[in-house]
Amino acid sequence: MARYLFSRLLATVPVMLTVLAIVFLLLHIGPGDPAAAMAGDNASPEQIMQIRQRLHLDQPLPIQFLIYLRQLAQFDLGVSVYSGRQISTMILQRAEPTLMLALTTSLLSVLVAVPAGVFAARRLGRATDYLVMGLSVAGFSVPVFVVGYALIQLFAIELGWLPVQGYRPLASGAWNTLRSLTLPTVALTFLFAALVARITRATMLNVLSEDYIRTARAKGVPDGRILTVHALKNIGVPVVTVVGTSFAALLGGVVVTESVFNIPGIGRLTVDAILARDYPVVQGVMLAFAFVLVLVNVLVDLSYALFDPRIRQGER
């Protein structure tokens, strides 16, 4: 286990270095002077020069990259051009809504999609199977913002059961937080549950066609025991993989949902920074998302050892 984990951690080093280089080059790949773009059309040459000096854009590119790496080594993502606040502080203040939305969506997707995928695989070719797959296709096809506006119209405006938009922090009470996240969670679950259900169904069909499953049936083992003891544990690896990658994608893909429901999360922070041309904030957010994505992938790889006995056998 330790050797497997070390190898996976070691493999993340070139990935993070590549991400660092790409994020750093964001300021330089576009046309024109990034300092002039951030300063705006009415900025004076002195203001543009101040931004260039503040962001070290007046230094050679290799020196800029070394300065950038030194700041990151000190856990410093830089300072916003417009607000003058630490970018790390801005991200932390916006992290709770995005994390809570990703967690509730992932949990609801697993609770709904895994049983639905298993049930569809057991009812292959029947009405239930077609129903689950039809809903999955709809989940992939309908944009999230369409589902979001439909939910707002029905449950918030017409029925008045849930708030239209906004986010209530955990400090105001868990119930208030869950109420404010119900509609965006359901909207996102409609998409991500479709993916999890299809992967679960396909994996379960492969497992149910294995020889050891047929042998267990030939010995008279009840279907319920075959499903719970033999089949479910063998669909763990692909299901955990898709859930882990979906969670990471949720963190970086909630921009539309947070905009529709006016949730002050990291997605909204990214949109606001892009509109304001606050490139240091965009860099910081992208780097934070990349770090979380790499961390989630490491955790997913670590979980393989819990489901795949070949990894544990390789350690002996």
Protein backbone atom coordinates (compact mmCIF):
# COMPACT_ATOMS: atom_id res chain seq x y z
CA MET A 1 0.00 0.00 0.00
CA ALA A 2 2.76 2.45 0.96
CA ARG A 3 4.70 1.79 -2.25
CA TYR A 4 1.56 2.20 -4.34
CA LEU A 5 0.66 5.47 -2.62
CA PHE A 6 4.21 6.80 -2.98
CA SER A 7 4.24 6.04 -6.70
CA ARG A 8 0.93 7.84 -7.18
CA LEU A 9 2.14 10.87 -5.22
CA LEU A 10 5.36 10.93 -7.23
CA ALA A 11 3.37 10.89 -10.47
CA THR A 12 1.58 14.09 -9.43
CA VAL A 13 4.82 16.09 -9.36
CA PRO A 14 5.19 16.58 -13.15
CA VAL A 15 1.44 17.17 -13.39
CA MET A 16 1.56 20.01 -10.85
CA LEU A 17 4.67 21.51 -12.48
CA THR A 18 2.91 21.50 -15.84
CA VAL A 19 -0.17 23.10 -14.30
CA LEU A 20 1.98 25.74 -12.62
CA ALA A 21 3.64 26.61 -15.92
CA ILE A 22 0.32 26.82 -17.79
CA VAL A 23 -1.33 28.94 -15.10
CA PHE A 24 1.69 31.23 -14.99
CA LEU A 25 1.65 31.71 -18.77
CA LEU A 26 -2.00 32.84 -18.69
CA LEU A 27 -0.82 36.42 -18.37
CA HIS A 28 1.43 36.14 -21.40
CA ILE A 29 -0.36 34.03 -24.00
CA GLY A 30 -2.92 36.69 -24.89
CA PRO A 31 -2.25 39.55 -27.28
CA GLY A 32 -1.25 42.96 -25.99
CA ASP A 33 0.01 44.14 -22.64
CA PRO A 34 -1.70 42.34 -19.72
CA ALA A 35 -1.03 45.30 -17.44
CA ALA A 36 -2.81 47.64 -19.86
CA ALA A 37 -5.73 45.20 -20.13
CA MET A 38 -6.10 45.06 -16.34
CA ALA A 39 -5.74 48.82 -15.96
CA GLY A 40 -8.58 49.56 -18.38
CA ASP A 41 -8.99 51.86 -21.34
CA ASN A 42 -8.81 55.10 -19.35
CA ALA A 43 -5.68 54.26 -17.37
CA SER A 44 -2.69 56.53 -17.43
CA PRO A 45 0.82 55.28 -18.30
CA GLU A 46 1.76 55.67 -14.63
CA GLN A 47 -1.09 53.38 -13.54
CA ILE A 48 -0.11 50.78 -16.11
CA MET A 49 3.50 50.95 -14.94
CA GLN A 50 2.41 50.48 -11.33
CA ILE A 51 0.51 47.30 -12.26
CA ARG A 52 3.50 46.02 -14.22
CA GLN A 53 5.78 46.58 -11.24
CA ARG A 54 3.30 45.10 -8.76
CA LEU A 55 2.98 41.91 -10.83
CA HIS A 56 6.70 41.87 -11.74
CA LEU A 57 5.80 42.09 -15.42
CA ASP A 58 8.78 44.40 -15.96
CA GLN A 59 11.12 41.46 -15.24
CA PRO A 60 12.28 38.81 -17.75
CA LEU A 61 9.93 35.85 -18.07
CA PRO A 62 12.20 33.30 -16.28
CA ILE A 63 12.61 35.72 -13.37
CA GLN A 64 8.85 36.17 -13.20
CA PHE A 65 8.36 32.41 -13.03
CA LEU A 66 10.90 32.06 -10.23
CA ILE A 67 9.20 34.85 -8.29
CA TYR A 68 5.87 33.09 -8.86
CA LEU A 69 7.26 29.79 -7.54
CA ARG A 70 8.75 31.55 -4.51
CA GLN A 71 5.39 33.09 -3.68
CA LEU A 72 3.66 29.74 -3.99
CA ALA A 73 6.26 28.13 -1.72
CA GLN A 74 5.19 30.71 0.88
CA PHE A 75 1.51 29.83 0.26
CA ASP A 76 1.02 33.24 -1.33
CA LEU A 77 -1.29 33.33 -4.36
CA GLY A 78 -0.81 37.04 -4.81
CA VAL A 79 -3.03 40.07 -4.42
CA SER A 80 -6.10 41.12 -6.38
CA VAL A 81 -5.41 44.04 -8.72
CA TYR A 82 -8.72 45.74 -7.96
CA SER A 83 -9.56 44.97 -4.34
CA GLY A 84 -6.00 44.72 -3.05
CA ARG A 85 -6.96 41.68 -0.96
CA GLN A 86 -5.05 38.44 -0.66
CA ILE A 87 -6.30 35.99 -3.28
CA SER A 88 -6.01 33.05 -0.89
CA THR A 89 -8.31 34.86 1.54
CA MET A 90 -10.83 35.58 -1.21
CA ILE A 91 -10.86 31.91 -2.26
CA LEU A 92 -11.26 30.65 1.31
CA GLN A 93 -14.15 33.03 1.92
CA ARG A 94 -15.91 31.71 -1.19
CA ALA A 95 -15.01 28.05 -0.65
CA GLU A 96 -17.86 27.03 1.67
CA PRO A 97 -20.77 27.44 -0.80
CA THR A 98 -18.91 25.65 -3.60
CA LEU A 99 -17.72 22.80 -1.38
CA MET A 100 -21.16 22.33 0.17
CA LEU A 101 -22.80 22.32 -3.25
CA ALA A 102 -20.30 19.77 -4.57
CA LEU A 103 -20.70 17.56 -1.48
CA THR A 104 -24.50 17.56 -1.51
CA THR A 105 -24.58 16.93 -5.25
CA SER A 106 -22.10 14.06 -5.03
CA LEU A 107 -23.94 12.48 -2.10
CA LEU A 108 -27.36 12.75 -3.72
CA SER A 109 -25.99 11.50 -7.05
CA VAL A 110 -24.55 8.39 -5.40
CA LEU A 111 -27.68 7.69 -3.35
CA VAL A 112 -29.89 7.96 -6.44
CA ALA A 113 -27.73 6.78 -9.32
CA VAL A 114 -25.97 3.71 -7.90
CA PRO A 115 -29.20 1.89 -6.90
CA ALA A 116 -30.80 3.00 -10.17
CA GLY A 117 -27.88 1.67 -12.22
CA VAL A 118 -27.87 -1.64 -10.34
CA PHE A 119 -31.63 -2.01 -10.70
CA ALA A 120 -31.44 -1.22 -14.42
CA ALA A 121 -28.74 -3.86 -14.91
CA ARG A 122 -30.86 -6.49 -13.14
CA ARG A 123 -33.86 -5.52 -15.30
CA LEU A 124 -31.92 -5.47 -18.56
CA GLY A 125 -34.19 -4.94 -21.56
CA ARG A 126 -37.27 -4.27 -19.44
CA ALA A 127 -39.27 -1.10 -18.90
CA THR A 128 -37.28 -0.14 -15.80
CA ASP A 129 -34.01 -0.37 -17.70
CA TYR A 130 -35.36 1.82 -20.51
CA LEU A 131 -36.70 4.32 -17.97
CA VAL A 132 -33.36 4.68 -16.19
CA MET A 133 -31.44 4.99 -19.44
CA GLY A 134 -33.98 7.46 -20.81
CA LEU A 135 -33.58 9.67 -17.74
CA SER A 136 -29.81 9.38 -18.10
CA VAL A 137 -29.96 10.57 -21.69
CA ALA A 138 -32.17 13.46 -20.60
CA GLY A 139 -29.70 14.32 -17.86
CA PHE A 140 -26.89 14.56 -20.39
CA SER A 141 -28.97 16.45 -22.94
CA VAL A 142 -30.75 19.16 -20.93
CA PRO A 143 -28.47 22.07 -19.89
CA VAL A 144 -28.12 22.66 -16.17
CA PHE A 145 -29.38 26.24 -16.38
CA VAL A 146 -32.61 25.05 -18.04
CA VAL A 147 -33.23 22.59 -15.20
CA GLY A 148 -32.31 25.29 -12.70
CA TYR A 149 -34.76 27.87 -14.06
CA ALA A 150 -37.51 25.23 -14.26
CA LEU A 151 -36.96 24.29 -10.61
CA ILE A 152 -36.98 27.95 -9.58
CA GLN A 153 -40.22 28.57 -11.43
CA LEU A 154 -42.00 25.55 -9.92
CA PHE A 155 -40.70 25.20 -6.36
CA ALA A 156 -39.64 28.76 -5.55
CA ILE A 157 -42.01 31.05 -7.45
CA GLU A 158 -45.23 29.07 -7.88
CA LEU A 159 -45.16 26.84 -4.79
CA GLY A 160 -42.98 29.03 -2.60
CA TRP A 161 -41.43 26.07 -0.84
CA LEU A 162 -37.78 27.02 -1.28
CA PRO A 163 -35.78 30.23 -1.66
CA VAL A 164 -35.32 31.52 -5.19
CA GLN A 165 -31.59 32.11 -4.90
CA GLY A 166 -28.74 32.87 -2.52
CA TYR A 167 -26.83 30.82 0.02
CA ARG A 168 -27.21 30.57 3.78
CA PRO A 169 -23.90 29.70 5.49
CA LEU A 170 -23.54 26.86 7.97
CA ALA A 171 -23.25 29.42 10.76
CA SER A 172 -26.94 30.23 10.23
CA GLY A 173 -27.92 26.60 10.81
CA ALA A 174 -27.61 23.37 8.84
CA TRP A 175 -31.31 23.39 7.94
CA ASN A 176 -31.10 26.87 6.40
CA THR A 177 -28.02 25.80 4.44
CA LEU A 178 -29.72 22.70 3.07
CA ARG A 179 -32.82 24.68 2.07
CA SER A 180 -30.74 27.18 0.15
CA LEU A 181 -28.83 24.37 -1.61
CA THR A 182 -31.79 22.13 -2.43
CA LEU A 183 -32.61 23.55 -5.86
CA PRO A 184 -29.02 23.92 -7.15
CA THR A 185 -28.20 20.46 -5.81
CA VAL A 186 -31.14 18.87 -7.61
CA ALA A 187 -30.26 20.73 -10.81
CA LEU A 188 -26.67 19.48 -10.75
CA THR A 189 -27.70 15.99 -9.63
CA PHE A 190 -29.85 15.65 -12.74
CA LEU A 191 -26.65 15.83 -14.78
CA PHE A 192 -24.13 13.97 -12.64
CA ALA A 193 -26.48 11.22 -11.53
CA ALA A 194 -26.95 10.38 -15.21
CA LEU A 195 -23.23 9.74 -15.57
CA VAL A 196 -22.97 7.68 -12.39
CA ALA A 197 -26.06 5.62 -13.29
CA ARG A 198 -24.74 4.74 -16.75
CA ILE A 199 -21.31 3.74 -15.42
CA THR A 200 -22.92 1.68 -12.63
CA ARG A 201 -25.23 -0.10 -15.05
CA ALA A 202 -22.46 -0.89 -17.55
CA THR A 203 -20.12 -2.14 -14.83
CA MET A 204 -22.81 -4.24 -13.18
CA LEU A 205 -23.67 -5.87 -16.52
CA ASN A 206 -20.01 -6.83 -16.98
CA VAL A 207 -19.80 -8.24 -13.45
CA LEU A 208 -23.04 -10.20 -13.76
CA SER A 209 -21.69 -11.88 -16.90
CA GLU A 210 -18.54 -13.16 -15.15
CA ASP A 211 -17.96 -16.88 -14.66
CA TYR A 212 -17.93 -16.73 -10.86
CA ILE A 213 -21.40 -15.16 -10.89
CA ARG A 214 -22.72 -17.96 -13.11
CA THR A 215 -21.05 -20.50 -10.84
CA ALA A 216 -22.68 -18.98 -7.77
CA ARG A 217 -26.07 -19.12 -9.47
CA ALA A 218 -25.48 -22.73 -10.48
CA LYS A 219 -24.78 -23.56 -6.83
CA GLY A 220 -28.14 -22.09 -5.86
CA VAL A 221 -26.88 -18.92 -4.17
CA PRO A 222 -29.80 -16.47 -3.85
CA ASP A 223 -29.76 -13.50 -6.22
CA GLY A 224 -29.77 -11.06 -3.31
CA ARG A 225 -26.61 -12.59 -1.85
CA ILE A 226 -24.94 -12.68 -5.28
CA LEU A 227 -25.70 -9.02 -5.70
CA THR A 228 -24.61 -7.80 -2.27
CA VAL A 229 -21.66 -10.12 -1.55
CA HIS A 230 -20.14 -10.80 -4.96
CA ALA A 231 -21.26 -8.17 -7.47
CA LEU A 232 -21.44 -4.87 -5.61
CA LYS A 233 -17.90 -4.93 -4.25
CA ASN A 234 -16.54 -5.55 -7.74
CA ILE A 235 -18.12 -2.44 -9.23
CA GLY A 236 -16.40 -0.26 -6.62
CA VAL A 237 -13.37 0.80 -8.67
CA PRO A 238 -15.15 2.34 -11.69
CA VAL A 239 -17.92 3.84 -9.55
CA VAL A 240 -15.44 5.41 -7.11
CA THR A 241 -13.46 6.72 -10.08
CA VAL A 242 -16.41 8.43 -11.72
CA VAL A 243 -17.68 9.80 -8.40
CA GLY A 244 -14.25 11.18 -7.52
CA THR A 245 -13.66 12.79 -10.89
CA SER A 246 -17.23 14.11 -10.91
CA PHE A 247 -16.66 15.73 -7.51
CA ALA A 248 -13.52 17.42 -8.80
CA ALA A 249 -15.36 18.50 -11.94
CA LEU A 250 -18.17 19.89 -9.81
CA LEU A 251 -15.75 22.18 -7.99
CA GLY A 252 -14.63 23.67 -11.27
CA GLY A 253 -17.91 23.44 -13.14
CA VAL A 254 -20.42 25.12 -10.86
CA VAL A 255 -19.98 28.50 -12.56
CA VAL A 256 -23.30 28.32 -14.40
CA THR A 257 -25.21 26.93 -11.42
CA GLU A 258 -23.82 29.51 -9.02
CA SER A 259 -24.73 32.24 -11.50
CA VAL A 260 -28.29 30.95 -11.94
CA PHE A 261 -28.92 30.66 -8.20
CA ASN A 262 -26.79 33.67 -7.22
CA ILE A 263 -24.54 31.60 -4.95
CA PRO A 264 -21.43 33.52 -3.84
CA GLY A 265 -19.01 30.65 -4.41
CA ILE A 266 -15.72 30.21 -6.20
CA GLY A 267 -17.50 29.93 -9.54
CA ARG A 268 -18.98 33.40 -9.13
CA LEU A 269 -15.59 34.67 -8.01
CA THR A 270 -14.07 33.35 -11.24
CA VAL A 271 -16.74 34.98 -13.39
CA ASP A 272 -16.37 38.31 -11.59
CA ALA A 273 -12.58 38.18 -11.94
CA ILE A 274 -12.79 37.44 -15.67
CA LEU A 275 -15.25 40.26 -16.26
CA ALA A 276 -13.02 42.63 -14.26
CA ARG A 277 -9.91 41.32 -16.04
CA ASP A 278 -8.38 40.59 -12.65
CA TYR A 279 -5.95 37.99 -14.00
CA PRO A 280 -4.11 37.28 -10.71
CA VAL A 281 -7.42 36.15 -9.18
CA VAL A 282 -8.13 33.96 -12.21
CA GLN A 283 -4.65 32.44 -11.86
CA GLY A 284 -5.17 31.77 -8.17
CA VAL A 285 -8.56 30.13 -8.68
CA MET A 286 -7.30 27.92 -11.49
CA LEU A 287 -4.33 26.84 -9.41
CA ALA A 288 -6.58 26.03 -6.45
CA PHE A 289 -8.90 23.99 -8.70
CA ALA A 290 -5.92 22.12 -10.18
CA PHE A 291 -4.59 21.30 -6.71
CA VAL A 292 -7.97 19.97 -5.59
CA LEU A 293 -8.29 17.92 -8.77
CA VAL A 294 -4.88 16.32 -8.23
CA LEU A 295 -5.69 15.67 -4.56
CA VAL A 296 -9.01 14.03 -5.42
CA ASN A 297 -7.32 11.82 -8.02
CA VAL A 298 -4.74 10.72 -5.43
CA LEU A 299 -7.54 9.84 -3.00
CA VAL A 300 -9.34 7.92 -5.74
CA ASP A 301 -6.15 6.00 -6.56
CA LEU A 302 -5.72 5.24 -2.86
CA SER A 303 -9.25 3.88 -2.68
CA TYR A 304 -8.39 1.35 -5.42
CA ALA A 305 -6.49 -0.65 -2.82
CA LEU A 306 -9.73 -1.08 -0.89
CA PHE A 307 -11.57 -2.56 -3.86
CA ASP A 308 -8.88 -4.18 -5.99
CA PRO A 309 -7.14 -7.11 -4.27
CA ARG A 310 -4.45 -7.19 -6.97
CA ILE A 311 -2.93 -4.02 -5.53
CA ARG A 312 -2.71 -5.52 -2.04
CA GLN A 313 -1.31 -8.77 -3.45
CA GLY A 314 1.35 -6.81 -5.30
CA GLU A 315 2.61 -5.44 -1.98
CA ARG A 316 3.33 -8.88 -0.61
